[in-house]
Amino acid sequence: MSNSGNEESVNPVNEWNKKVIEEFRANDGVVGGAFTGAPVLLLHTTGAKSGRERINPMMYLEQDGRTFVFASKSGADTNPDWYHNLVAHPDVTAEIGPTTVSARAVSLEEPERDRVYAIQAGRYPGFAEYQAKTTRVIPVVELVMESS
C-alpha cells in the first residue's frame, strides 16, 4: 500500500508530542511521564519551509526573570526542526502553564550560552548527557517575552 499525497504517514514523535500537548492543556501545563516534575512549555514556531504552525513540548529554564529553551534533540548530531524554524522565523508563541505569550527567540552566544546550559545540566543531568553524546554545541535560546 502507498499513501496518497493527501495522507501523512504516522510519525511516532508527532504522536508522542500530540499526547503531551493534550495532557499539558488538560492540566494547566503539568505533564507526567518523562516530564514529571519538570517545567514544560509548548513552543509554537512557523515552519521554515512550509510556513505552517508547529507546536513542540519542551523543558525550559526560568532564570533571573528570563526564559530559555534548549535545542538538545536528546544529543543527536543535528539540531531539532523547531530550532531551524525559529532561526528562520524568530517570532514565536509559548504556552507556559495556562498562559500564552508572544516572544522573540534569540540564540545565546558564548560565554552566556555555556553558563545557562550549565545551570540546566546541573538541575537536569540528562542535558549534560545530551551534550556529551554529540560534537555539536547544543543551542540555547532565550524567549524574550513581549511586554503586554
N, C-alpha and C. Protein backbone atom coordinates (compact mmCIF):
# COMPACT_ATOMS: atom_id res chain seq x y z
N MET A 1 0.83 -1.19 0.00
CA MET A 1 0.00 0.00 0.00
C MET A 1 0.88 1.24 0.00
N SER A 2 0.37 2.27 -0.59
CA SER A 2 1.11 3.53 -0.58
C SER A 2 0.17 4.63 -0.10
N ASN A 3 0.77 5.63 0.45
CA ASN A 3 -0.01 6.79 0.90
C ASN A 3 -0.27 7.70 -0.27
N SER A 4 -1.47 8.23 -0.34
CA SER A 4 -1.74 9.25 -1.36
C SER A 4 -1.09 10.55 -0.88
N GLY A 5 -1.00 11.50 -1.74
CA GLY A 5 -0.38 12.77 -1.38
C GLY A 5 -1.12 13.51 -0.28
N ASN A 6 -2.38 13.16 -0.05
CA ASN A 6 -3.17 13.85 0.97
C ASN A 6 -3.02 13.26 2.36
N GLU A 7 -2.44 12.09 2.47
CA GLU A 7 -2.31 11.45 3.77
C GLU A 7 -0.89 11.61 4.30
N GLU A 8 -0.79 11.90 5.58
CA GLU A 8 0.52 11.97 6.20
C GLU A 8 0.78 10.65 6.90
N SER A 9 1.99 10.12 6.77
CA SER A 9 2.30 8.90 7.48
C SER A 9 2.36 9.19 8.97
N VAL A 10 2.11 8.18 9.77
CA VAL A 10 2.11 8.36 11.21
C VAL A 10 3.56 8.40 11.69
N ASN A 11 3.91 9.48 12.34
CA ASN A 11 5.25 9.67 12.88
C ASN A 11 5.15 9.48 14.38
N PRO A 12 5.90 8.50 14.96
CA PRO A 12 5.79 8.27 16.41
C PRO A 12 6.11 9.50 17.26
N VAL A 13 7.06 10.33 16.81
CA VAL A 13 7.39 11.54 17.56
C VAL A 13 6.21 12.48 17.56
N ASN A 14 5.56 12.65 16.41
CA ASN A 14 4.40 13.54 16.33
C ASN A 14 3.26 13.02 17.20
N GLU A 15 3.05 11.71 17.23
CA GLU A 15 2.01 11.13 18.07
C GLU A 15 2.34 11.36 19.55
N TRP A 16 3.61 11.19 19.93
CA TRP A 16 4.04 11.41 21.31
C TRP A 16 3.84 12.88 21.68
N ASN A 17 4.27 13.80 20.78
CA ASN A 17 4.08 15.23 21.03
C ASN A 17 2.61 15.55 21.20
N LYS A 18 1.76 14.99 20.35
CA LYS A 18 0.32 15.25 20.42
C LYS A 18 -0.24 14.86 21.78
N LYS A 19 0.19 13.71 22.30
CA LYS A 19 -0.30 13.26 23.61
C LYS A 19 0.19 14.18 24.72
N VAL A 20 1.44 14.61 24.64
CA VAL A 20 1.98 15.52 25.65
C VAL A 20 1.25 16.86 25.59
N ILE A 21 0.99 17.36 24.39
CA ILE A 21 0.28 18.63 24.22
C ILE A 21 -1.11 18.53 24.83
N GLU A 22 -1.81 17.44 24.56
CA GLU A 22 -3.16 17.26 25.12
C GLU A 22 -3.12 17.22 26.65
N GLU A 23 -2.15 16.49 27.21
CA GLU A 23 -2.03 16.40 28.67
C GLU A 23 -1.69 17.77 29.26
N PHE A 24 -0.77 18.49 28.62
CA PHE A 24 -0.37 19.83 29.05
C PHE A 24 -1.60 20.74 29.14
N ARG A 25 -2.38 20.76 28.10
CA ARG A 25 -3.54 21.67 28.04
C ARG A 25 -4.65 21.24 29.00
N ALA A 26 -4.77 19.96 29.25
CA ALA A 26 -5.81 19.47 30.16
C ALA A 26 -5.46 19.73 31.62
N ASN A 27 -4.18 19.96 31.92
CA ASN A 27 -3.71 20.08 33.29
C ASN A 27 -2.96 21.38 33.57
N ASP A 28 -3.32 22.46 32.85
CA ASP A 28 -2.69 23.77 33.06
C ASP A 28 -1.16 23.72 33.03
N GLY A 29 -0.61 22.94 32.11
CA GLY A 29 0.83 22.93 31.91
C GLY A 29 1.58 21.87 32.68
N VAL A 30 0.89 21.01 33.41
CA VAL A 30 1.55 19.95 34.16
C VAL A 30 1.43 18.65 33.37
N VAL A 31 2.57 17.99 33.16
CA VAL A 31 2.57 16.71 32.45
C VAL A 31 3.37 15.68 33.23
N GLY A 32 3.10 14.43 32.95
CA GLY A 32 3.79 13.34 33.62
C GLY A 32 4.79 12.66 32.69
N GLY A 33 4.96 11.37 32.88
CA GLY A 33 5.89 10.60 32.05
C GLY A 33 7.30 11.13 32.17
N ALA A 34 7.96 11.27 31.04
CA ALA A 34 9.35 11.74 31.02
C ALA A 34 9.49 13.15 31.58
N PHE A 35 8.38 13.90 31.63
CA PHE A 35 8.43 15.29 32.09
C PHE A 35 7.95 15.47 33.54
N THR A 36 7.70 14.39 34.26
CA THR A 36 7.20 14.50 35.63
C THR A 36 8.09 15.42 36.46
N GLY A 37 7.48 16.46 37.04
CA GLY A 37 8.20 17.37 37.91
C GLY A 37 9.04 18.41 37.21
N ALA A 38 9.09 18.38 35.88
CA ALA A 38 9.93 19.31 35.13
C ALA A 38 9.09 20.46 34.57
N PRO A 39 9.70 21.65 34.43
CA PRO A 39 8.99 22.76 33.80
C PRO A 39 8.90 22.52 32.30
N VAL A 40 7.69 22.55 31.78
CA VAL A 40 7.46 22.28 30.36
C VAL A 40 6.65 23.42 29.76
N LEU A 41 6.99 23.79 28.55
CA LEU A 41 6.20 24.75 27.80
C LEU A 41 5.91 24.17 26.43
N LEU A 42 4.96 24.77 25.75
CA LEU A 42 4.66 24.42 24.37
C LEU A 42 5.14 25.57 23.50
N LEU A 43 6.10 25.28 22.63
CA LEU A 43 6.66 26.31 21.76
C LEU A 43 6.00 26.23 20.39
N HIS A 44 5.39 27.36 19.98
CA HIS A 44 4.77 27.46 18.66
C HIS A 44 5.76 28.15 17.73
N THR A 45 6.15 27.48 16.67
CA THR A 45 7.04 28.07 15.68
C THR A 45 6.33 28.04 14.33
N THR A 46 6.91 28.74 13.36
CA THR A 46 6.43 28.72 11.99
C THR A 46 7.42 27.91 11.17
N GLY A 47 6.92 26.92 10.45
CA GLY A 47 7.80 26.06 9.65
C GLY A 47 8.67 26.86 8.70
N ALA A 48 9.96 26.58 8.71
CA ALA A 48 10.91 27.32 7.87
C ALA A 48 10.58 27.17 6.39
N LYS A 49 10.16 25.99 5.98
CA LYS A 49 9.83 25.74 4.58
C LYS A 49 8.33 25.80 4.33
N SER A 50 7.55 25.19 5.22
CA SER A 50 6.11 25.07 4.99
C SER A 50 5.33 26.32 5.33
N GLY A 51 5.84 27.11 6.29
CA GLY A 51 5.11 28.27 6.77
C GLY A 51 3.96 27.90 7.69
N ARG A 52 3.83 26.60 8.02
CA ARG A 52 2.74 26.13 8.88
C ARG A 52 3.17 26.17 10.34
N GLU A 53 2.18 26.37 11.21
CA GLU A 53 2.46 26.38 12.64
C GLU A 53 2.87 24.99 13.10
N ARG A 54 3.88 24.96 13.94
CA ARG A 54 4.36 23.73 14.57
C ARG A 54 4.34 23.96 16.07
N ILE A 55 4.01 22.93 16.82
CA ILE A 55 3.99 23.03 18.29
C ILE A 55 4.83 21.90 18.85
N ASN A 56 5.78 22.27 19.71
CA ASN A 56 6.66 21.29 20.34
C ASN A 56 6.69 21.48 21.85
N PRO A 57 6.41 20.41 22.60
CA PRO A 57 6.59 20.49 24.05
C PRO A 57 8.08 20.37 24.37
N MET A 58 8.53 21.12 25.36
CA MET A 58 9.94 21.03 25.75
C MET A 58 10.14 21.59 27.16
N MET A 59 11.21 21.11 27.77
CA MET A 59 11.59 21.66 29.07
C MET A 59 12.18 23.04 28.86
N TYR A 60 12.04 23.86 29.90
CA TYR A 60 12.61 25.20 29.82
C TYR A 60 13.22 25.55 31.17
N LEU A 61 13.96 26.64 31.17
CA LEU A 61 14.59 27.16 32.38
C LEU A 61 14.17 28.61 32.55
N GLU A 62 13.67 28.93 33.73
CA GLU A 62 13.46 30.33 34.10
C GLU A 62 14.58 30.71 35.03
N GLN A 63 15.30 31.76 34.68
CA GLN A 63 16.45 32.19 35.47
C GLN A 63 16.53 33.70 35.43
N ASP A 64 16.50 34.32 36.59
CA ASP A 64 16.63 35.78 36.68
C ASP A 64 15.61 36.51 35.80
N GLY A 65 14.37 36.01 35.79
CA GLY A 65 13.31 36.65 35.02
C GLY A 65 13.38 36.41 33.53
N ARG A 66 14.24 35.50 33.11
CA ARG A 66 14.40 35.18 31.69
C ARG A 66 13.99 33.72 31.46
N THR A 67 13.58 33.40 30.23
CA THR A 67 13.13 32.06 29.88
C THR A 67 14.00 31.51 28.76
N PHE A 68 14.49 30.28 28.95
CA PHE A 68 15.40 29.66 27.99
C PHE A 68 14.90 28.27 27.60
N VAL A 69 15.12 27.89 26.33
CA VAL A 69 14.88 26.54 25.85
C VAL A 69 16.17 26.03 25.23
N PHE A 70 16.25 24.71 25.07
CA PHE A 70 17.50 24.05 24.70
C PHE A 70 17.26 23.13 23.51
N ALA A 71 18.00 23.32 22.43
CA ALA A 71 17.82 22.54 21.20
C ALA A 71 18.63 21.25 21.28
N SER A 72 18.33 20.44 22.29
CA SER A 72 19.15 19.25 22.58
C SER A 72 18.91 18.09 21.63
N LYS A 73 17.66 17.86 21.25
CA LYS A 73 17.28 16.71 20.41
C LYS A 73 17.89 15.43 20.98
N SER A 74 17.88 15.34 22.31
CA SER A 74 18.39 14.17 23.04
C SER A 74 19.83 13.82 22.69
N GLY A 75 20.60 14.82 22.27
CA GLY A 75 22.01 14.59 21.97
C GLY A 75 22.29 14.12 20.55
N ALA A 76 21.30 14.24 19.66
CA ALA A 76 21.52 13.88 18.25
C ALA A 76 22.54 14.83 17.64
N ASP A 77 23.12 14.43 16.51
CA ASP A 77 24.14 15.24 15.86
C ASP A 77 23.59 16.36 14.99
N THR A 78 22.27 16.49 14.94
CA THR A 78 21.64 17.58 14.19
C THR A 78 20.70 18.34 15.12
N ASN A 79 20.49 19.60 14.83
CA ASN A 79 19.55 20.41 15.60
C ASN A 79 18.12 19.97 15.31
N PRO A 80 17.23 20.13 16.26
CA PRO A 80 15.83 19.77 16.02
C PRO A 80 15.19 20.71 14.99
N ASP A 81 14.16 20.22 14.33
CA ASP A 81 13.46 21.03 13.32
C ASP A 81 12.96 22.34 13.90
N TRP A 82 12.46 22.31 15.15
CA TRP A 82 11.91 23.53 15.73
C TRP A 82 12.97 24.62 15.82
N TYR A 83 14.24 24.23 16.01
CA TYR A 83 15.31 25.23 16.09
C TYR A 83 15.50 25.90 14.72
N HIS A 84 15.50 25.11 13.65
CA HIS A 84 15.62 25.68 12.30
C HIS A 84 14.44 26.61 12.02
N ASN A 85 13.26 26.23 12.51
CA ASN A 85 12.07 27.06 12.30
C ASN A 85 12.23 28.42 12.98
N LEU A 86 12.69 28.43 14.23
CA LEU A 86 12.77 29.72 14.92
C LEU A 86 13.94 30.57 14.44
N VAL A 87 14.97 29.94 13.87
CA VAL A 87 16.03 30.73 13.24
C VAL A 87 15.46 31.46 12.02
N ALA A 88 14.63 30.77 11.25
CA ALA A 88 14.03 31.36 10.06
C ALA A 88 12.93 32.37 10.42
N HIS A 89 12.19 32.05 11.49
CA HIS A 89 11.06 32.89 11.91
C HIS A 89 11.13 33.06 13.43
N PRO A 90 11.89 34.03 13.93
CA PRO A 90 12.13 34.14 15.38
C PRO A 90 10.95 34.63 16.22
N ASP A 91 9.88 35.09 15.59
CA ASP A 91 8.71 35.47 16.37
C ASP A 91 7.92 34.21 16.67
N VAL A 92 7.81 33.88 17.95
CA VAL A 92 7.19 32.63 18.39
C VAL A 92 6.13 32.92 19.44
N THR A 93 5.41 31.87 19.79
CA THR A 93 4.45 31.92 20.89
C THR A 93 4.78 30.77 21.81
N ALA A 94 4.61 30.98 23.11
CA ALA A 94 4.85 29.91 24.08
C ALA A 94 3.66 29.80 25.02
N GLU A 95 3.24 28.58 25.25
CA GLU A 95 2.24 28.31 26.27
C GLU A 95 3.01 27.87 27.51
N ILE A 96 2.87 28.64 28.57
CA ILE A 96 3.54 28.34 29.84
C ILE A 96 2.44 28.24 30.88
N GLY A 97 2.17 27.03 31.34
CA GLY A 97 1.02 26.81 32.20
C GLY A 97 -0.23 27.21 31.43
N PRO A 98 -1.16 27.93 32.06
CA PRO A 98 -2.39 28.32 31.36
C PRO A 98 -2.24 29.61 30.55
N THR A 99 -1.02 30.17 30.51
CA THR A 99 -0.79 31.46 29.87
C THR A 99 -0.11 31.29 28.51
N THR A 100 -0.54 32.06 27.53
CA THR A 100 0.11 32.08 26.22
C THR A 100 0.74 33.44 26.02
N VAL A 101 2.03 33.44 25.64
CA VAL A 101 2.77 34.69 25.47
C VAL A 101 3.45 34.72 24.10
N SER A 102 3.60 35.91 23.57
CA SER A 102 4.38 36.12 22.34
C SER A 102 5.81 36.41 22.76
N ALA A 103 6.76 35.94 21.94
CA ALA A 103 8.17 36.14 22.28
C ALA A 103 9.00 36.21 21.00
N ARG A 104 10.20 36.70 21.18
CA ARG A 104 11.20 36.71 20.11
C ARG A 104 12.29 35.74 20.55
N ALA A 105 12.63 34.78 19.70
CA ALA A 105 13.65 33.78 20.01
C ALA A 105 15.03 34.33 19.64
N VAL A 106 15.94 34.31 20.61
CA VAL A 106 17.30 34.82 20.41
C VAL A 106 18.29 33.75 20.88
N SER A 107 19.11 33.25 19.96
CA SER A 107 20.13 32.26 20.33
C SER A 107 21.23 32.93 21.13
N LEU A 108 21.64 32.29 22.22
CA LEU A 108 22.69 32.85 23.06
C LEU A 108 24.07 32.59 22.45
N GLU A 109 24.95 33.52 22.67
CA GLU A 109 26.35 33.39 22.25
C GLU A 109 27.19 33.01 23.46
N GLU A 110 28.41 32.52 23.19
CA GLU A 110 29.35 32.24 24.27
C GLU A 110 29.76 33.55 24.92
N PRO A 111 30.09 33.60 26.17
CA PRO A 111 30.08 32.55 27.18
C PRO A 111 28.73 32.37 27.87
N GLU A 112 27.76 33.26 27.55
CA GLU A 112 26.46 33.15 28.22
C GLU A 112 25.80 31.81 27.94
N ARG A 113 25.95 31.31 26.72
CA ARG A 113 25.36 30.02 26.37
C ARG A 113 25.85 28.94 27.33
N ASP A 114 27.16 28.88 27.55
CA ASP A 114 27.73 27.86 28.45
C ASP A 114 27.20 28.00 29.87
N ARG A 115 27.10 29.23 30.34
CA ARG A 115 26.64 29.49 31.71
C ARG A 115 25.20 28.99 31.90
N VAL A 116 24.33 29.34 30.95
CA VAL A 116 22.92 28.94 31.07
C VAL A 116 22.78 27.43 30.89
N TYR A 117 23.51 26.86 29.94
CA TYR A 117 23.42 25.41 29.73
C TYR A 117 23.89 24.66 30.98
N ALA A 118 24.92 25.15 31.63
CA ALA A 118 25.44 24.50 32.84
C ALA A 118 24.39 24.52 33.96
N ILE A 119 23.62 25.57 34.06
CA ILE A 119 22.55 25.63 35.07
C ILE A 119 21.52 24.53 34.79
N GLN A 120 21.10 24.44 33.53
CA GLN A 120 20.11 23.42 33.17
C GLN A 120 20.65 22.01 33.38
N ALA A 121 21.89 21.78 32.99
CA ALA A 121 22.51 20.45 33.15
C ALA A 121 22.68 20.11 34.63
N GLY A 122 22.90 21.12 35.46
CA GLY A 122 23.00 20.88 36.90
C GLY A 122 21.67 20.48 37.51
N ARG A 123 20.60 21.05 37.00
CA ARG A 123 19.26 20.72 37.51
C ARG A 123 18.73 19.41 36.92
N TYR A 124 19.05 19.17 35.66
CA TYR A 124 18.56 18.00 34.94
C TYR A 124 19.74 17.35 34.23
N PRO A 125 20.38 16.35 34.88
CA PRO A 125 21.61 15.75 34.34
C PRO A 125 21.48 15.18 32.93
N GLY A 126 20.27 14.90 32.48
CA GLY A 126 20.09 14.43 31.10
C GLY A 126 20.66 15.40 30.09
N PHE A 127 20.62 16.70 30.41
CA PHE A 127 21.16 17.69 29.48
C PHE A 127 22.68 17.60 29.38
N ALA A 128 23.35 17.24 30.46
CA ALA A 128 24.80 17.01 30.39
C ALA A 128 25.08 15.79 29.51
N GLU A 129 24.25 14.77 29.65
CA GLU A 129 24.40 13.57 28.82
C GLU A 129 24.17 13.89 27.35
N TYR A 130 23.18 14.71 27.06
CA TYR A 130 22.92 15.08 25.66
C TYR A 130 24.14 15.76 25.05
N GLN A 131 24.75 16.72 25.78
CA GLN A 131 25.90 17.42 25.24
C GLN A 131 27.08 16.48 25.06
N ALA A 132 27.23 15.51 25.97
CA ALA A 132 28.33 14.55 25.86
C ALA A 132 28.16 13.61 24.67
N LYS A 133 26.93 13.39 24.23
CA LYS A 133 26.66 12.46 23.13
C LYS A 133 26.96 13.04 21.75
N THR A 134 27.11 14.35 21.65
CA THR A 134 27.24 14.97 20.33
C THR A 134 28.46 15.89 20.27
N THR A 135 28.95 16.09 19.05
CA THR A 135 30.06 17.02 18.86
C THR A 135 29.55 18.44 18.61
N ARG A 136 28.25 18.59 18.31
CA ARG A 136 27.72 19.94 18.10
C ARG A 136 27.52 20.63 19.44
N VAL A 137 27.57 21.92 19.43
CA VAL A 137 27.24 22.69 20.62
C VAL A 137 25.73 22.88 20.60
N ILE A 138 25.05 22.38 21.62
CA ILE A 138 23.60 22.46 21.68
C ILE A 138 23.19 23.92 21.88
N PRO A 139 22.39 24.44 20.96
CA PRO A 139 21.97 25.83 21.09
C PRO A 139 21.07 26.06 22.30
N VAL A 140 21.27 27.22 22.92
CA VAL A 140 20.41 27.70 23.99
C VAL A 140 19.73 28.94 23.44
N VAL A 141 18.40 28.98 23.58
CA VAL A 141 17.61 30.06 23.01
C VAL A 141 16.84 30.76 24.12
N GLU A 142 16.97 32.07 24.16
CA GLU A 142 16.16 32.86 25.09
C GLU A 142 14.87 33.23 24.39
N LEU A 143 13.77 33.07 25.11
CA LEU A 143 12.47 33.54 24.62
C LEU A 143 12.23 34.89 25.28
N VAL A 144 12.46 35.96 24.53
CA VAL A 144 12.31 37.31 25.04
C VAL A 144 10.84 37.67 24.92
N MET A 145 10.17 37.69 26.07
CA MET A 145 8.72 37.91 26.08
C MET A 145 8.38 39.35 25.73
N GLU A 146 7.32 39.49 24.93
CA GLU A 146 6.85 40.82 24.56
C GLU A 146 6.09 41.42 25.73
N SER A 147 6.25 42.70 25.93
CA SER A 147 5.50 43.39 27.00
C SER A 147 4.04 43.44 26.64
N SER A 148 3.20 43.33 27.68
CA SER A 148 1.76 43.39 27.38
C SER A 148 1.23 44.78 27.51
